Amino acid sequence: MPSGFIPDQVGIEELFNDPAGPIGLELEKIGAEGVTIAQRFAPVVTGALQASIRYTVEEDPLGGLATYIGSDLDYAIYIEYGTGHGSWVGGPTEADAFLRPMLQVVQP
């Protein structure tokens, strides 16, 4: 008979896989905080990059839930990592990372 302190297998599955459960809610908080911090680090030219930074909480391919933070803009990766070679502006561009520094600040 379960003691109440150790959840059964179904309870454990729900704990790790239910977006509305405690882990899912904590991942939502981490995602929202990560977006705010990444937006602060993002370079501002038009504001499009900042506005494009979002998060999702999804099922992780390895099981459980995960928070994904990023931008869907095609050029966001070139801002994050730089180009290292000729670009549309005529030469290499330096990285102006906004996601990697965010990872060092966000506290789970």
Protein backbone atom coordinates (compact mmCIF):
# COMPACT_ATOMS: atom_id res chain seq x y z
CA MET A 1 0.00 0.00 0.00
CA PRO A 2 1.46 3.41 -0.93
CA SER A 3 2.55 5.48 2.03
CA GLY A 4 1.50 8.81 0.50
CA PHE A 5 5.08 10.08 0.52
CA ILE A 6 6.17 8.24 -2.61
CA PRO A 7 3.82 8.71 -5.56
CA ASP A 8 2.95 5.65 -7.62
CA GLN A 9 4.20 5.35 -11.20
CA VAL A 10 1.16 7.18 -12.60
CA GLY A 11 1.72 10.02 -10.13
CA ILE A 12 5.36 10.31 -11.15
CA GLU A 13 4.44 10.34 -14.85
CA GLU A 14 1.92 13.13 -14.25
CA LEU A 15 4.44 15.09 -12.19
CA PHE A 16 6.98 15.12 -15.03
CA ASN A 17 4.64 15.26 -18.04
CA ASP A 18 1.69 17.45 -17.04
CA PRO A 19 2.19 21.07 -18.21
CA ALA A 20 -0.29 22.17 -15.52
CA GLY A 21 1.61 20.30 -12.80
CA PRO A 22 4.26 21.78 -10.49
CA ILE A 23 7.17 21.09 -12.83
CA GLY A 24 5.31 22.47 -15.84
CA LEU A 25 4.41 25.63 -13.91
CA GLU A 26 8.02 26.11 -12.81
CA LEU A 27 9.18 25.69 -16.41
CA GLU A 28 6.66 28.39 -17.43
CA LYS A 29 8.23 30.78 -14.88
CA ILE A 30 11.73 29.96 -16.13
CA GLY A 31 10.63 30.52 -19.74
CA ALA A 32 9.05 33.90 -18.98
CA GLU A 33 12.13 35.01 -17.02
CA GLY A 34 14.41 33.80 -19.81
CA VAL A 35 12.52 35.79 -22.44
CA THR A 36 12.73 38.97 -20.36
CA ILE A 37 16.47 38.55 -19.83
CA ALA A 38 17.20 37.60 -23.47
CA GLN A 39 15.26 40.68 -24.61
CA ARG A 40 17.49 42.83 -22.40
CA PHE A 41 20.63 41.32 -23.97
CA ALA A 42 19.31 41.50 -27.57
CA PRO A 43 20.71 44.31 -29.70
CA VAL A 44 18.07 46.83 -30.70
CA VAL A 45 17.97 48.20 -34.23
CA THR A 46 14.28 47.94 -35.12
CA GLY A 47 13.03 46.01 -32.08
CA ALA A 48 12.02 43.05 -34.27
CA LEU A 49 14.52 40.70 -32.65
CA GLN A 50 13.40 41.57 -29.13
CA ALA A 51 9.74 41.16 -30.09
CA SER A 52 10.43 37.76 -31.67
CA ILE A 53 11.94 36.15 -28.55
CA ARG A 54 9.49 33.65 -27.09
CA TYR A 55 9.36 30.47 -25.07
CA THR A 56 7.40 27.24 -25.14
CA VAL A 57 7.05 24.42 -22.68
CA GLU A 58 6.89 21.17 -24.60
CA GLU A 59 7.39 17.48 -24.22
CA ASP A 60 11.10 16.74 -24.36
CA PRO A 61 12.13 14.05 -26.87
CA LEU A 62 13.88 12.21 -24.03
CA GLY A 63 10.79 12.34 -21.82
CA GLY A 64 9.29 14.85 -19.44
CA LEU A 65 8.92 18.55 -20.17
CA ALA A 66 11.40 21.19 -21.32
CA THR A 67 11.42 24.95 -21.82
CA TYR A 68 12.65 26.22 -25.18
CA ILE A 69 13.59 29.89 -25.56
CA GLY A 70 14.53 31.53 -28.83
CA SER A 71 13.59 33.54 -31.88
CA ASP A 72 12.02 32.42 -35.14
CA LEU A 73 13.69 35.17 -37.16
CA ASP A 74 15.94 33.78 -39.89
CA TYR A 75 18.77 36.14 -38.99
CA ALA A 76 18.69 35.63 -35.20
CA ILE A 77 21.33 32.89 -35.38
CA TYR A 78 23.70 35.26 -37.20
CA ILE A 79 23.30 37.83 -34.46
CA GLU A 80 23.84 35.21 -31.76
CA TYR A 81 26.96 33.63 -33.33
CA GLY A 82 28.17 36.19 -35.91
CA THR A 83 28.88 35.26 -39.49
CA GLY A 84 32.64 34.79 -39.65
CA HIS A 85 32.50 35.46 -43.39
CA GLY A 86 31.01 37.93 -45.86
CA SER A 87 27.43 38.82 -45.16
CA TRP A 88 24.73 40.91 -46.77
CA VAL A 89 26.26 44.02 -45.17
CA GLY A 90 29.52 43.38 -47.00
CA GLY A 91 31.76 41.70 -44.44
CA PRO A 92 31.90 39.46 -41.41
CA THR A 93 29.76 40.43 -38.46
CA GLU A 94 30.72 39.89 -34.85
CA ALA A 95 28.50 37.87 -32.57
CA ASP A 96 26.16 39.88 -30.37
CA ALA A 97 24.88 37.02 -28.23
CA PHE A 98 21.61 37.39 -26.37
CA LEU A 99 20.62 33.77 -25.65
CA ARG A 100 23.89 32.39 -24.30
CA PRO A 101 24.31 35.19 -21.73
CA MET A 102 20.67 34.65 -20.70
CA LEU A 103 21.47 31.05 -19.82
CA GLN A 104 24.05 32.24 -17.31
CA VAL A 105 21.56 34.54 -15.59
CA VAL A 106 18.33 32.53 -15.43
CA GLN A 107 18.01 30.73 -12.12
CA PRO A 108 15.85 27.57 -12.02
